C-alpha atoms as a PDB file:
ATOM      1  CA  MET A   1      -0.262   0.140   0.020  1.00  0.00           C
ATOM      2  CA  ARG A   2       1.164   4.113  -0.656  1.00  0.00           C
ATOM      3  CA  GLU A   3       2.683   5.601   2.106  1.00  0.00           C
ATOM      4  CA  GLY A   4      -0.030   8.613   2.662  1.00  0.00           C
ATOM      5  CA  LEU A   5      -2.809   6.694   1.641  1.00  0.00           C
ATOM      6  CA  ILE A   6      -3.904   5.957   4.722  1.00  0.00           C
ATOM      7  CA  PRO A   7      -3.878   9.769   6.546  1.00  0.00           C
ATOM      8  CA  ALA A   8      -5.453  11.067   3.081  1.00  0.00           C
ATOM      9  CA  VAL A   9      -8.491   8.668   2.779  1.00  0.00           C
ATOM     10  CA  LEU A  10      -8.927   9.204   7.088  1.00  0.00           C
ATOM     11  CA  GLY A  11      -8.557  13.134   6.474  1.00  0.00           C
ATOM     12  CA  THR A  12     -11.127  13.146   3.644  1.00  0.00           C
ATOM     13  CA  VAL A  13     -13.913  11.041   5.883  1.00  0.00           C
ATOM     14  CA  VAL A  14     -13.319  13.129   8.812  1.00  0.00           C
ATOM     15  CA  THR A  15     -13.322  16.211   6.877  1.00  0.00           C
ATOM     16  CA  ALA A  16     -16.948  15.435   5.266  1.00  0.00           C
ATOM     17  CA  SER A  17     -18.319  14.241   8.629  1.00  0.00           C
ATOM     18  CA  SER A  18     -17.368  17.577  10.260  1.00  0.00           C
ATOM     19  CA  ALA A  19     -18.370  19.095   7.097  1.00  0.00           C
ATOM     20  CA  ALA A  20     -21.973  17.920   7.585  1.00  0.00           C
ATOM     21  CA  PHE A  21     -22.620  18.567  11.045  1.00  0.00           C
ATOM     22  CA  LEU A  22     -21.509  22.502   9.858  1.00  0.00           C
ATOM     23  CA  GLY A  23     -24.689  23.521  10.215  1.00  0.00           C
ATOM     24  CA  GLY A  24     -26.031  22.110  13.878  1.00  0.00           C
ATOM     25  CA  LYS A  25     -25.266  23.099  17.902  1.00  0.00           C
ATOM     26  CA  TYR A  26     -21.296  22.464  18.187  1.00  0.00           C
ATOM     27  CA  LYS A  27     -20.144  24.751  15.140  1.00  0.00           C
ATOM     28  CA  MET A  28     -16.891  25.618  16.058  1.00  0.00           C
ATOM     29  CA  ALA A  29     -16.272  21.738  17.438  1.00  0.00           C
ATOM     30  CA  ALA A  30     -17.314  20.714  13.888  1.00  0.00           C
ATOM     31  CA  THR A  31     -14.618  23.400  12.749  1.00  0.00           C
ATOM     32  CA  GLY A  32     -12.009  22.507  14.590  1.00  0.00           C
ATOM     33  CA  VAL A  33     -12.668  18.580  13.138  1.00  0.00           C
ATOM     34  CA  LEU A  34     -13.282  19.734  10.023  1.00  0.00           C
ATOM     35  CA  GLY A  35      -9.654  21.237  10.036  1.00  0.00           C
ATOM     36  CA  PHE A  36      -7.630  18.664  11.863  1.00  0.00           C
ATOM     37  CA  GLY A  37      -9.273  17.013   8.660  1.00  0.00           C
ATOM     38  CA  LEU A  38      -7.561  19.168   6.261  1.00  0.00           C
ATOM     39  CA  ALA A  39      -4.553  18.988   8.019  1.00  0.00           C
ATOM     40  CA  HIS A  40      -4.463  15.134   7.647  1.00  0.00           C
ATOM     41  CA  VAL A  41      -5.574  15.382   3.536  1.00  0.00           C
ATOM     42  CA  VAL A  42      -2.859  17.649   3.220  1.00  0.00           C
ATOM     43  CA  LEU A  43      -0.107  15.728   4.798  1.00  0.00           C
ATOM     44  CA  GLY A  44      -0.941  12.698   3.603  1.00  0.00           C
ATOM     45  CA  ALA A  45      -1.023  14.080  -0.738  1.00  0.00           C
ATOM     46  CA  ILE A  46       2.229  15.467   0.713  1.00  0.00           C
ATOM     47  CA  ASP A  47       3.132  11.605   1.721  1.00  0.00           C
ATOM     48  CA  LEU A  48       2.095  10.693  -1.326  1.00  0.00           C
ATOM     49  CA  PHE A  49       3.720  12.659  -3.734  1.00  0.00           C
ATOM     50  CA  GLU A  50       6.793  12.536  -2.288  1.00  0.00           C
ATOM     51  CA  HIS A  51       7.561   8.848  -2.005  1.00  0.00           C
ATOM     52  CA  ARG A  52       6.411   7.914  -5.602  1.00  0.00           C
END
């Protein structure tokens, strides 16, 4: 399995699920989790491109 694929997929799932909660009661928490997911996507993408 390619290095960086798991963090990128995990970040995508976390980002999508937190985006669904942005309109709810805990908007600040959802925003924080959204940033956490986006960071995983970016770091996973860096690993994917770095280890071609």
